C-alpha atoms as a PDB file:
ATOM      1  CA  MET A   1       2.219 149.775  21.680  1.00  0.00           C
ATOM      2  CA  VAL A   2       1.337 147.406  24.537  1.00  0.00           C
ATOM      3  CA  ALA A   3      -1.850 149.346  25.258  1.00  0.00           C
ATOM      4  CA  THR A   4      -2.839 149.311  21.577  1.00  0.00           C
ATOM      5  CA  ARG A   5      -2.329 145.560  21.284  1.00  0.00           C
ATOM      6  CA  SER A   6      -4.371 145.023  24.459  1.00  0.00           C
ATOM      7  CA  LEU A   7      -7.276 147.011  23.028  1.00  0.00           C
ATOM      8  CA  VAL A   8      -7.210 145.023  19.793  1.00  0.00           C
ATOM      9  CA  LEU A   9      -7.141 141.772  21.768  1.00  0.00           C
ATOM     10  CA  LEU A  10     -10.045 142.940  23.909  1.00  0.00           C
ATOM     11  CA  SER A  11     -12.150 143.758  20.867  1.00  0.00           C
ATOM     12  CA  ILE A  12     -11.418 140.360  19.299  1.00  0.00           C
ATOM     13  CA  VAL A  13     -12.273 138.541  22.534  1.00  0.00           C
ATOM     14  CA  GLY A  14     -15.529 140.516  22.508  1.00  0.00           C
ATOM     15  CA  VAL A  15     -16.333 139.134  19.078  1.00  0.00           C
ATOM     16  CA  LEU A  16     -15.598 135.573  20.146  1.00  0.00           C
ATOM     17  CA  GLY A  17     -17.656 136.020  23.305  1.00  0.00           C
ATOM     18  CA  ALA A  18     -20.715 137.386  21.553  1.00  0.00           C
ATOM     19  CA  ALA A  19     -23.679 135.028  21.529  1.00  0.00           C
ATOM     20  CA  ALA A  20     -24.770 133.912  18.088  1.00  0.00           C
ATOM     21  CA  ARG A  21     -28.247 135.070  17.098  1.00  0.00           C
ATOM     22  CA  ASP A  22     -30.401 132.582  15.237  1.00  0.00           C
ATOM     23  CA  VAL A  23     -31.952 133.841  12.009  1.00  0.00           C
ATOM     24  CA  PRO A  24     -35.634 134.613  12.719  1.00  0.00           C
ATOM     25  CA  ALA A  25     -38.109 132.485  10.785  1.00  0.00           C
ATOM     26  CA  ASN A  26     -39.366 135.375   8.679  1.00  0.00           C
ATOM     27  CA  VAL A  27     -35.836 136.442   7.683  1.00  0.00           C
ATOM     28  CA  LEU A  28     -34.796 132.838   7.030  1.00  0.00           C
ATOM     29  CA  SER A  29     -37.784 132.363   4.733  1.00  0.00           C
ATOM     30  CA  PHE A  30     -36.846 135.532   2.845  1.00  0.00           C
ATOM     31  CA  TYR A  31     -33.216 134.427   2.615  1.00  0.00           C
ATOM     32  CA  ASN A  32     -34.179 130.989   1.301  1.00  0.00           C
ATOM     33  CA  SER A  33     -36.490 132.493  -1.305  1.00  0.00           C
ATOM     34  CA  LEU A  34     -33.560 134.486  -2.688  1.00  0.00           C
ATOM     35  CA  LYS A  35     -31.184 131.529  -2.570  1.00  0.00           C
ATOM     36  CA  THR A  36     -33.580 129.346  -4.519  1.00  0.00           C
ATOM     37  CA  GLY A  37     -33.329 131.648  -7.484  1.00  0.00           C
ATOM     38  CA  GLY A  38     -35.627 134.560  -6.759  1.00  0.00           C
ATOM     39  CA  ALA A  39     -34.468 137.106  -9.330  1.00  0.00           C
ATOM     40  CA  CYS A  40     -34.609 140.849  -8.612  1.00  0.00           C
ATOM     41  CA  SER A  41     -37.347 142.384 -10.747  1.00  0.00           C
ATOM     42  CA  ASN A  42     -36.598 145.979  -9.728  1.00  0.00           C
ATOM     43  CA  PRO A  43     -32.845 146.557  -9.527  1.00  0.00           C
ATOM     44  CA  LEU A  44     -32.140 150.085  -8.297  1.00  0.00           C
ATOM     45  CA  GLU A  45     -28.728 149.775  -9.919  1.00  0.00           C
ATOM     46  CA  THR A  46     -26.958 146.803 -11.453  1.00  0.00           C
ATOM     47  CA  GLY A  47     -23.676 145.876 -13.113  1.00  0.00           C
ATOM     48  CA  PHE A  48     -21.614 145.246  -9.955  1.00  0.00           C
ATOM     49  CA  ARG A  49     -19.180 142.414  -9.175  1.00  0.00           C
ATOM     50  CA  ASP A  50     -18.318 140.816  -5.866  1.00  0.00           C
ATOM     51  CA  THR A  51     -14.788 139.998  -6.956  1.00  0.00           C
ATOM     52  CA  ASP A  52     -12.452 141.638  -9.447  1.00  0.00           C
ATOM     53  CA  GLY A  53     -12.965 140.062 -12.849  1.00  0.00           C
ATOM     54  CA  GLY A  54     -16.113 138.214 -11.766  1.00  0.00           C
ATOM     55  CA  PRO A  55     -19.501 138.494 -13.466  1.00  0.00           C
ATOM     56  CA  ASP A  56     -21.077 141.961 -13.319  1.00  0.00           C
ATOM     57  CA  THR A  57     -24.465 140.522 -12.395  1.00  0.00           C
ATOM     58  CA  PHE A  58     -24.947 141.895  -8.878  1.00  0.00           C
ATOM     59  CA  SER A  59     -27.588 144.485  -8.043  1.00  0.00           C
ATOM     60  CA  TYR A  60     -28.954 146.632  -5.281  1.00  0.00           C
ATOM     61  CA  CYS A  61     -32.479 145.282  -5.257  1.00  0.00           C
ATOM     62  CA  GLY A  62     -35.581 147.393  -4.605  1.00  0.00           C
ATOM     63  CA  ASP A  63     -38.224 144.688  -4.863  1.00  0.00           C
ATOM     64  CA  HIS A  64     -39.189 145.263  -1.214  1.00  0.00           C
ATOM     65  CA  LEU A  65     -38.393 148.923  -0.851  1.00  0.00           C
ATOM     66  CA  ALA A  66     -42.046 149.923  -0.642  1.00  0.00           C
ATOM     67  CA  ASP A  67     -43.458 147.078   1.461  1.00  0.00           C
ATOM     68  CA  PHE A  68     -40.608 146.122   3.829  1.00  0.00           C
ATOM     69  CA  GLY A  69     -38.557 149.324   3.557  1.00  0.00           C
ATOM     70  CA  ILE A  70     -35.358 147.487   2.616  1.00  0.00           C
ATOM     71  CA  VAL A  71     -32.640 147.441  -0.034  1.00  0.00           C
ATOM     72  CA  TYR A  72     -30.455 144.364  -0.382  1.00  0.00           C
ATOM     73  CA  ILE A  73     -27.687 142.977  -2.585  1.00  0.00           C
ATOM     74  CA  THR A  74     -28.392 140.041  -4.853  1.00  0.00           C
ATOM     75  CA  GLY A  75     -26.857 138.319  -7.841  1.00  0.00           C
ATOM     76  CA  GLU A  76     -28.328 135.894 -10.357  1.00  0.00           C
ATOM     77  CA  GLY A  77     -29.307 132.263 -10.052  1.00  0.00           C
ATOM     78  CA  GLY A  78     -29.537 132.290  -6.262  1.00  0.00           C
ATOM     79  CA  ALA A  79     -26.236 134.085  -5.685  1.00  0.00           C
ATOM     80  CA  LEU A  80     -26.167 136.705  -2.954  1.00  0.00           C
ATOM     81  CA  ALA A  81     -22.724 138.197  -2.205  1.00  0.00           C
ATOM     82  CA  ASN A  82     -19.429 137.236  -0.627  1.00  0.00           C
ATOM     83  CA  MET A  83     -17.685 139.084   2.205  1.00  0.00           C
ATOM     84  CA  ASP A  84     -14.452 140.963   1.655  1.00  0.00           C
ATOM     85  CA  ILE A  85     -12.828 142.631   4.653  1.00  0.00           C
ATOM     86  CA  ASP A  86     -12.780 146.374   5.313  1.00  0.00           C
ATOM     87  CA  CYS A  87     -10.110 147.601   7.737  1.00  0.00           C
ATOM     88  CA  ASP A  88     -10.667 151.322   7.142  1.00  0.00           C
ATOM     89  CA  GLY A  89     -11.169 153.824   9.910  1.00  0.00           C
ATOM     90  CA  ALA A  90      -9.740 154.453  13.361  1.00  0.00           C
ATOM     91  CA  GLN A  91      -7.697 151.272  13.722  1.00  0.00           C
ATOM     92  CA  ALA A  92      -4.124 151.495  12.483  1.00  0.00           C
ATOM     93  CA  GLY A  93      -3.567 148.147  10.794  1.00  0.00           C
ATOM     94  CA  GLU A  94      -3.030 146.246  14.039  1.00  0.00           C
ATOM     95  CA  GLY A  95      -3.781 142.577  14.618  1.00  0.00           C
ATOM     96  CA  ARG A  96      -5.578 140.698  11.848  1.00  0.00           C
ATOM     97  CA  CYS A  97      -5.946 143.878   9.820  1.00  0.00           C
ATOM     98  CA  GLY A  98      -2.168 144.117   9.627  1.00  0.00           C
ATOM     99  CA  ASN A  99      -1.859 142.124   6.393  1.00  0.00           C
ATOM    100  CA  SER A 100      -4.267 144.318   4.412  1.00  0.00           C
ATOM    101  CA  ASP A 101      -2.780 146.324   1.555  1.00  0.00           C
ATOM    102  CA  ASP A 102      -5.938 148.420   1.131  1.00  0.00           C
ATOM    103  CA  ILE A 103      -6.475 150.394   4.347  1.00  0.00           C
ATOM    104  CA  GLN A 104      -7.917 153.904   4.207  1.00  0.00           C
ATOM    105  CA  SER A 105      -7.380 156.237   7.136  1.00  0.00           C
ATOM    106  CA  GLN A 106     -11.073 157.057   7.454  1.00  0.00           C
ATOM    107  CA  THR A 107     -14.534 155.738   6.685  1.00  0.00           C
ATOM    108  CA  ALA A 108     -17.124 157.551   4.580  1.00  0.00           C
ATOM    109  CA  PHE A 109     -19.042 158.861   7.593  1.00  0.00           C
ATOM    110  CA  LYS A 110     -16.193 159.814   9.903  1.00  0.00           C
ATOM    111  CA  ASP A 111     -17.586 163.322  10.382  1.00  0.00           C
ATOM    112  CA  VAL A 112     -20.973 161.956  11.458  1.00  0.00           C
ATOM    113  CA  VAL A 113     -19.337 159.620  13.982  1.00  0.00           C
ATOM    114  CA  ALA A 114     -17.281 162.463  15.426  1.00  0.00           C
ATOM    115  CA  SER A 115     -20.371 164.678  15.670  1.00  0.00           C
ATOM    116  CA  TYR A 116     -21.990 162.226  18.089  1.00  0.00           C
ATOM    117  CA  GLY A 117     -19.620 163.362  20.851  1.00  0.00           C
ATOM    118  CA  ALA A 118     -18.941 159.826  22.056  1.00  0.00           C
ATOM    119  CA  GLY A 119     -15.204 160.356  22.374  1.00  0.00           C
ATOM    120  CA  ILE A 120     -14.256 158.575  19.153  1.00  0.00           C
ATOM    121  CA  ASP A 121     -13.262 160.120  15.843  1.00  0.00           C
ATOM    122  CA  ASP A 122     -14.278 157.285  13.513  1.00  0.00           C
ATOM    123  CA  LEU A 123     -15.483 153.703  13.320  1.00  0.00           C
ATOM    124  CA  ASP A 124     -12.981 150.991  14.291  1.00  0.00           C
ATOM    125  CA  ALA A 125     -13.098 147.853  12.117  1.00  0.00           C
ATOM    126  CA  ASN A 126     -11.930 145.754  15.096  1.00  0.00           C
ATOM    127  CA  ILE A 127     -14.921 146.857  17.180  1.00  0.00           C
ATOM    128  CA  HIS A 128     -17.763 148.263  15.098  1.00  0.00           C
ATOM    129  CA  PRO A 129     -19.660 145.881  12.809  1.00  0.00           C
ATOM    130  CA  PHE A 130     -20.170 147.977   9.695  1.00  0.00           C
ATOM    131  CA  VAL A 131     -21.106 147.219   6.113  1.00  0.00           C
ATOM    132  CA  VAL A 132     -19.661 148.773   2.962  1.00  0.00           C
ATOM    133  CA  PHE A 133     -22.808 149.685   1.027  1.00  0.00           C
ATOM    134  CA  GLY A 134     -23.085 151.930  -2.011  1.00  0.00           C
ATOM    135  CA  ASN A 135     -20.554 152.800  -4.710  1.00  0.00           C
ATOM    136  CA  ASP A 136     -18.994 156.185  -5.376  1.00  0.00           C
ATOM    137  CA  GLY A 137     -16.420 156.687  -8.116  1.00  0.00           C
ATOM    138  CA  SER A 138     -15.496 159.117 -10.859  1.00  0.00           C
ATOM    139  CA  ALA A 139     -13.624 156.775 -13.206  1.00  0.00           C
ATOM    140  CA  PRO A 140     -14.987 156.792 -16.769  1.00  0.00           C
ATOM    141  CA  GLY A 141     -17.933 154.441 -17.108  1.00  0.00           C
ATOM    142  CA  TRP A 142     -17.971 153.675 -13.388  1.00  0.00           C
ATOM    143  CA  THR A 143     -21.258 152.344 -11.998  1.00  0.00           C
ATOM    144  CA  ASN A 144     -22.365 154.247  -8.913  1.00  0.00           C
ATOM    145  CA  PHE A 145     -25.136 153.740  -6.390  1.00  0.00           C
ATOM    146  CA  ASP A 146     -26.078 156.086  -3.560  1.00  0.00           C
ATOM    147  CA  PRO A 147     -28.373 154.411  -0.990  1.00  0.00           C
ATOM    148  CA  GLN A 148     -29.381 157.837   0.317  1.00  0.00           C
ATOM    149  CA  GLU A 149     -31.335 158.425  -2.894  1.00  0.00           C
ATOM    150  CA  PHE A 150     -33.688 155.701  -1.736  1.00  0.00           C
ATOM    151  CA  GLY A 151     -34.023 156.686   1.909  1.00  0.00           C
ATOM    152  CA  ILE A 152     -31.141 154.843   3.576  1.00  0.00           C
ATOM    153  CA  GLU A 153     -29.278 157.175   5.919  1.00  0.00           C
ATOM    154  CA  PRO A 154     -25.605 157.148   7.003  1.00  0.00           C
ATOM    155  CA  LEU A 155     -24.887 154.991  10.057  1.00  0.00           C
ATOM    156  CA  SER A 156     -28.341 153.422   9.835  1.00  0.00           C
ATOM    157  CA  LEU A 157     -28.792 149.867  11.012  1.00  0.00           C
ATOM    158  CA  MET A 158     -28.031 146.985   8.664  1.00  0.00           C
ATOM    159  CA  ALA A 159     -28.789 143.297   9.074  1.00  0.00           C
ATOM    160  CA  VAL A 160     -26.426 140.636   7.750  1.00  0.00           C
ATOM    161  CA  VAL A 161     -27.337 136.962   7.354  1.00  0.00           C
ATOM    162  CA  CYS A 162     -24.102 134.977   7.382  1.00  0.00           C
ATOM    163  CA  GLY A 163     -22.853 131.658   8.677  1.00  0.00           C
ATOM    164  CA  ASP A 164     -26.395 130.590   9.691  1.00  0.00           C
ATOM    165  CA  GLN A 165     -26.802 133.565  12.005  1.00  0.00           C
ATOM    166  CA  LEU A 166     -28.053 137.143  12.000  1.00  0.00           C
ATOM    167  CA  ILE A 167     -25.653 139.966  12.838  1.00  0.00           C
ATOM    168  CA  TYR A 168     -26.579 143.627  13.292  1.00  0.00           C
ATOM    169  CA  GLY A 169     -24.296 146.423  12.158  1.00  0.00           C
ATOM    170  CA  VAL A 170     -24.435 149.877  10.624  1.00  0.00           C
ATOM    171  CA  TRP A 171     -23.906 151.339   7.180  1.00  0.00           C
ATOM    172  CA  GLY A 172     -20.405 152.664   7.749  1.00  0.00           C
ATOM    173  CA  ASP A 173     -18.534 152.957   4.460  1.00  0.00           C
ATOM    174  CA  THR A 174     -18.843 153.013   0.671  1.00  0.00           C
ATOM    175  CA  ASN A 175     -16.942 151.406  -2.199  1.00  0.00           C
ATOM    176  CA  GLY A 176     -14.716 153.774  -4.188  1.00  0.00           C
ATOM    177  CA  ASP A 177     -13.057 153.400  -7.572  1.00  0.00           C
ATOM    178  CA  ASP A 178      -9.665 152.242  -6.270  1.00  0.00           C
ATOM    179  CA  ASP A 179     -10.428 148.704  -7.510  1.00  0.00           C
ATOM    180  CA  PRO A 180     -10.526 147.706 -11.178  1.00  0.00           C
ATOM    181  CA  ASP A 181     -14.291 147.073 -10.963  1.00  0.00           C
ATOM    182  CA  PRO A 182     -17.245 148.454  -8.950  1.00  0.00           C
ATOM    183  CA  LEU A 183     -17.644 145.916  -6.160  1.00  0.00           C
ATOM    184  CA  VAL A 184     -20.215 144.822  -3.579  1.00  0.00           C
ATOM    185  CA  GLY A 185     -19.946 142.495  -0.607  1.00  0.00           C
ATOM    186  CA  GLU A 186     -17.672 143.915   2.094  1.00  0.00           C
ATOM    187  CA  ALA A 187     -17.823 144.351   5.864  1.00  0.00           C
ATOM    188  CA  SER A 188     -15.595 145.320   8.759  1.00  0.00           C
ATOM    189  CA  LEU A 189     -13.250 142.757  10.284  1.00  0.00           C
ATOM    190  CA  SER A 190     -15.278 142.522  13.498  1.00  0.00           C
ATOM    191  CA  LEU A 191     -18.474 141.728  11.596  1.00  0.00           C
ATOM    192  CA  ALA A 192     -16.709 139.163   9.409  1.00  0.00           C
ATOM    193  CA  THR A 193     -15.195 137.520  12.483  1.00  0.00           C
ATOM    194  CA  ALA A 194     -18.623 137.227  14.099  1.00  0.00           C
ATOM    195  CA  CYS A 195     -19.849 135.555  10.918  1.00  0.00           C
ATOM    196  CA  PHE A 196     -16.978 133.247  10.049  1.00  0.00           C
ATOM    197  CA  GLY A 197     -14.410 133.222  12.847  1.00  0.00           C
ATOM    198  CA  ASN A 198     -10.766 134.108  13.268  1.00  0.00           C
ATOM    199  CA  SER A 199      -9.740 132.954   9.799  1.00  0.00           C
ATOM    200  CA  MET A 200     -10.966 136.353   8.618  1.00  0.00           C
ATOM    201  CA  THR A 201      -8.125 138.862   8.173  1.00  0.00           C
ATOM    202  CA  GLY A 202      -7.488 142.052   6.277  1.00  0.00           C
ATOM    203  CA  ASP A 203      -6.400 139.938   3.321  1.00  0.00           C
ATOM    204  CA  ASN A 204      -8.690 136.910   3.691  1.00  0.00           C
ATOM    205  CA  GLY A 205     -12.462 137.097   3.489  1.00  0.00           C
ATOM    206  CA  HIS A 206     -15.342 134.733   2.784  1.00  0.00           C
ATOM    207  CA  GLY A 207     -15.625 133.713  -0.855  1.00  0.00           C
ATOM    208  CA  GLU A 208     -18.983 131.933  -0.950  1.00  0.00           C
ATOM    209  CA  GLU A 209     -21.836 134.034  -2.347  1.00  0.00           C
ATOM    210  CA  ASP A 210     -24.206 133.255   0.499  1.00  0.00           C
ATOM    211  CA  VAL A 211     -24.200 136.481   2.528  1.00  0.00           C
ATOM    212  CA  LEU A 212     -27.316 138.661   2.605  1.00  0.00           C
ATOM    213  CA  TYR A 213     -26.796 142.378   3.298  1.00  0.00           C
ATOM    214  CA  ILE A 214     -29.993 144.304   4.161  1.00  0.00           C
ATOM    215  CA  GLY A 215     -30.264 148.086   4.532  1.00  0.00           C
ATOM    216  CA  PHE A 216     -33.297 149.804   6.069  1.00  0.00           C
ATOM    217  CA  THR A 217     -34.867 153.067   4.989  1.00  0.00           C
ATOM    218  CA  GLY A 218     -36.006 155.984   7.084  1.00  0.00           C
ATOM    219  CA  ALA A 219     -34.811 158.047  10.013  1.00  0.00           C
ATOM    220  CA  GLY A 220     -36.103 155.417  12.424  1.00  0.00           C
ATOM    221  CA  ALA A 221     -33.386 153.026  11.267  1.00  0.00           C
ATOM    222  CA  VAL A 222     -30.647 155.374  12.529  1.00  0.00           C
ATOM    223  CA  PRO A 223     -29.508 154.691  16.114  1.00  0.00           C
ATOM    224  CA  GLY A 224     -28.137 158.232  16.355  1.00  0.00           C
ATOM    225  CA  ALA A 225     -25.850 159.562  19.044  1.00  0.00           C
ATOM    226  CA  ASP A 226     -27.781 158.050  21.944  1.00  0.00           C
ATOM    227  CA  GLY A 227     -29.068 154.823  20.394  1.00  0.00           C
ATOM    228  CA  ALA A 228     -25.781 152.920  20.225  1.00  0.00           C
ATOM    229  CA  ASP A 229     -22.685 152.472  22.383  1.00  0.00           C
ATOM    230  CA  TRP A 230     -20.322 154.129  19.908  1.00  0.00           C
ATOM    231  CA  ALA A 231     -17.481 154.171  22.444  1.00  0.00           C
ATOM    232  CA  ALA A 232     -17.772 150.439  23.137  1.00  0.00           C
ATOM    233  CA  ALA A 233     -14.513 148.558  23.703  1.00  0.00           C
ATOM    234  CA  SER A 234     -15.710 145.362  22.008  1.00  0.00           C
ATOM    235  CA  PHE A 235     -17.852 144.084  19.160  1.00  0.00           C
ATOM    236  CA  ALA A 236     -20.180 142.357  21.627  1.00  0.00           C
ATOM    237  CA  ALA A 237     -20.869 145.562  23.540  1.00  0.00           C
ATOM    238  CA  PHE A 238     -21.591 147.585  20.431  1.00  0.00           C
ATOM    239  CA  GLU A 239     -23.690 144.958  18.648  1.00  0.00           C
ATOM    240  CA  SER A 240     -25.828 144.348  21.723  1.00  0.00           C
ATOM    241  CA  SER A 241     -26.490 148.093  22.000  1.00  0.00           C
ATOM    242  CA  ILE A 242     -28.279 148.102  18.618  1.00  0.00           C
ATOM    243  CA  ALA A 243     -29.971 144.707  18.955  1.00  0.00           C
ATOM    244  CA  ALA A 244     -33.376 146.029  20.051  1.00  0.00           C
ATOM    245  CA  LEU A 245     -33.556 148.348  17.039  1.00  0.00           C
ATOM    246  CA  GLY A 246     -32.422 145.520  14.780  1.00  0.00           C
ATOM    247  CA  ASP A 247     -35.097 143.171  16.108  1.00  0.00           C
ATOM    248  CA  GLN A 248     -37.722 145.835  15.483  1.00  0.00           C
ATOM    249  CA  LEU A 249     -36.626 146.422  11.895  1.00  0.00           C
ATOM    250  CA  VAL A 250     -36.217 142.808  10.775  1.00  0.00           C
ATOM    251  CA  ALA A 251     -39.691 142.022  12.112  1.00  0.00           C
ATOM    252  CA  LYS A 252     -41.072 143.869   9.053  1.00  0.00           C
ATOM    253  CA  ILE A 253     -39.447 141.473   6.589  1.00  0.00           C
ATOM    254  CA  GLY A 254     -41.817 138.981   5.067  1.00  0.00           C
ATOM    255  CA  GLY A 255     -44.760 140.176   7.121  1.00  0.00           C
ATOM    256  CA  THR A 256     -47.591 142.445   6.121  1.00  0.00           C
ATOM    257  CA  GLY A 257     -45.004 144.993   5.004  1.00  0.00           C
ATOM    258  CA  GLY A 258     -46.340 148.408   4.110  1.00  0.00           C
ATOM    259  CA  GLY A 259     -42.928 150.055   4.271  1.00  0.00           C
ATOM    260  CA  THR A 260     -43.559 150.875   7.915  1.00  0.00           C
ATOM    261  CA  THR A 261     -40.772 152.479   9.864  1.00  0.00           C
ATOM    262  CA  THR A 262     -40.355 154.719  12.860  1.00  0.00           C
ATOM    263  CA  THR A 263     -39.908 158.448  12.562  1.00  0.00           C
ATOM    264  CA  THR A 264     -37.881 159.141  15.695  1.00  0.00           C
ATOM    265  CA  THR A 265     -34.138 159.583  15.197  1.00  0.00           C
ATOM    266  CA  GLY A 266     -31.604 158.720  17.860  1.00  0.00           C
ATOM    267  CA  THR A 267     -33.304 156.110  20.040  1.00  0.00           C
ATOM    268  CA  GLY A 268     -34.557 153.497  17.623  1.00  0.00           C
ATOM    269  CA  SER A 269     -38.117 153.857  18.893  1.00  0.00           C
ATOM    270  CA  GLY A 270     -41.156 155.847  17.885  1.00  0.00           C
ATOM    271  CA  GLU A 271     -44.593 155.635  16.378  1.00  0.00           C
ATOM    272  CA  GLU A 272     -45.047 153.682  13.184  1.00  0.00           C
ATOM    273  CA  VAL A 273     -46.290 155.388  10.054  1.00  0.00           C
ATOM    274  CA  PRO A 274     -47.914 152.841   7.715  1.00  0.00           C
ATOM    275  CA  GLY A 275     -46.959 153.062   4.072  1.00  0.00           C
ATOM    276  CA  SER A 276     -44.055 155.420   4.704  1.00  0.00           C
ATOM    277  CA  THR A 277     -40.293 155.179   4.993  1.00  0.00           C
ATOM    278  CA  GLY A 278     -40.161 158.267   7.174  1.00  0.00           C
ATOM    279  CA  GLY A 279     -38.874 161.792   6.761  1.00  0.00           C
ATOM    280  CA  CYS A 280     -41.494 163.220   4.365  1.00  0.00           C
ATOM    281  CA  SER A 281     -44.728 165.183   4.662  1.00  0.00           C
ATOM    282  CA  TRP A 282     -47.012 162.922   2.582  1.00  0.00           C
ATOM    283  CA  ASP A 283     -47.434 159.525   4.237  1.00  0.00           C
ATOM    284  CA  GLY A 284     -47.275 156.667   1.761  1.00  0.00           C
ATOM    285  CA  HIS A 285     -45.394 158.763  -0.791  1.00  0.00           C
ATOM    286  CA  CYS A 286     -41.939 158.875   0.824  1.00  0.00           C
ATOM    287  CA  ALA A 287     -38.721 157.374  -0.494  1.00  0.00           C
ATOM    288  CA  GLY A 288     -39.375 153.840  -1.689  1.00  0.00           C
ATOM    289  CA  ALA A 289     -43.077 154.290  -2.420  1.00  0.00           C
ATOM    290  CA  PRO A 290     -44.239 153.182  -5.906  1.00  0.00           C
ATOM    291  CA  CYS A 291     -44.823 155.988  -8.396  1.00  0.00           C
ATOM    292  CA  GLY A 292     -45.779 156.712 -11.993  1.00  0.00           C
ATOM    293  CA  ASP A 293     -44.227 160.176 -12.097  1.00  0.00           C
ATOM    294  CA  GLU A 294     -42.912 162.851  -9.726  1.00  0.00           C
ATOM    295  CA  ASN A 295     -46.450 163.957  -8.891  1.00  0.00           C
ATOM    296  CA  ASP A 296     -46.849 160.713  -6.943  1.00  0.00           C
ATOM    297  CA  CYS A 297     -43.932 161.578  -4.620  1.00  0.00           C
ATOM    298  CA  SER A 298     -43.776 163.811  -1.566  1.00  0.00           C
ATOM    299  CA  ASP A 299     -41.756 167.002  -1.190  1.00  0.00           C
ATOM    300  CA  ASP A 300     -38.670 167.140  -3.464  1.00  0.00           C
ATOM    301  CA  LEU A 301     -38.625 163.421  -4.228  1.00  0.00           C
ATOM    302  CA  VAL A 302     -38.650 162.310  -7.853  1.00  0.00           C
ATOM    303  CA  CYS A 303     -39.784 159.109  -9.543  1.00  0.00           C
ATOM    304  CA  LYS A 304     -36.836 156.777 -10.355  1.00  0.00           C
ATOM    305  CA  ARG A 305     -37.349 153.271 -11.732  1.00  0.00           C
ATOM    306  CA  GLY A 306     -40.957 153.337 -10.528  1.00  0.00           C
ATOM    307  CA  LEU A 307     -40.077 154.346  -6.939  1.00  0.00           C
ATOM    308  CA  CYS A 308     -39.903 157.692  -5.154  1.00  0.00           C
ATOM    309  CA  ALA A 309     -36.297 158.697  -4.508  1.00  0.00           C
ATOM    310  CA  ALA A 310     -34.151 161.713  -3.711  1.00  0.00           C
END
């Protein structure tokens, strides 16, 4: 038990020691445009809440799927989302996760993590900054959303604007139907601590709806086995290992757009393919490209809500 407590303490010290990253001007401008009431005109799926019993007005927004290659969570009237705490995965309810009454023994992509051969079996909420993104439930009338239908891949990089800073993480888990309502707005304890400090625990998150969660499409957004320090002993070590890829991806936001992304998996670098989100044979007609019908989409993609999707 002494060794376990030491590891948890080390990971928390790593969070506290991590240097805050200022929000780049282009991302800050995008964030402010949403906060000042920019409504989502192309919700990929809507009807979510960010707290049980709250308004079901939150959406996964696809307004910039084709030009910036992103999907993000937004509400109405300038609301974004809050941040609940996810303690699922490899950690065993130690430290500040110890007061959570909703810990699952594994994350959604445990098998992918293990396949990387980094010596870990799953993500650790005390170390890995991961976002809960997507909803998967079988309860009657449950609202689901699968980001993979729109080109976002498991363990791909995500950017989170929170507490006046920009944090990089990965898409590491999904929301199930163990809550009364389909929810959005949740991240691992390490990510929440980097955003808002040590007041974050397994049972105490951030209630203000001012957090922006951004997912990126395409294979080039996936660090892969060699593009991240999956076996890192601290938040700071892991987050810094994906920073270069994060900087590359957020640079697309608010710029000339074009849905440009890289097509090389595993290193976070590669040649850019204008007008494509990667992973298809017809450039400009990949997941996220605008469409009128399935004939406008590459390969086996279909036309959903005016955008090519799986």
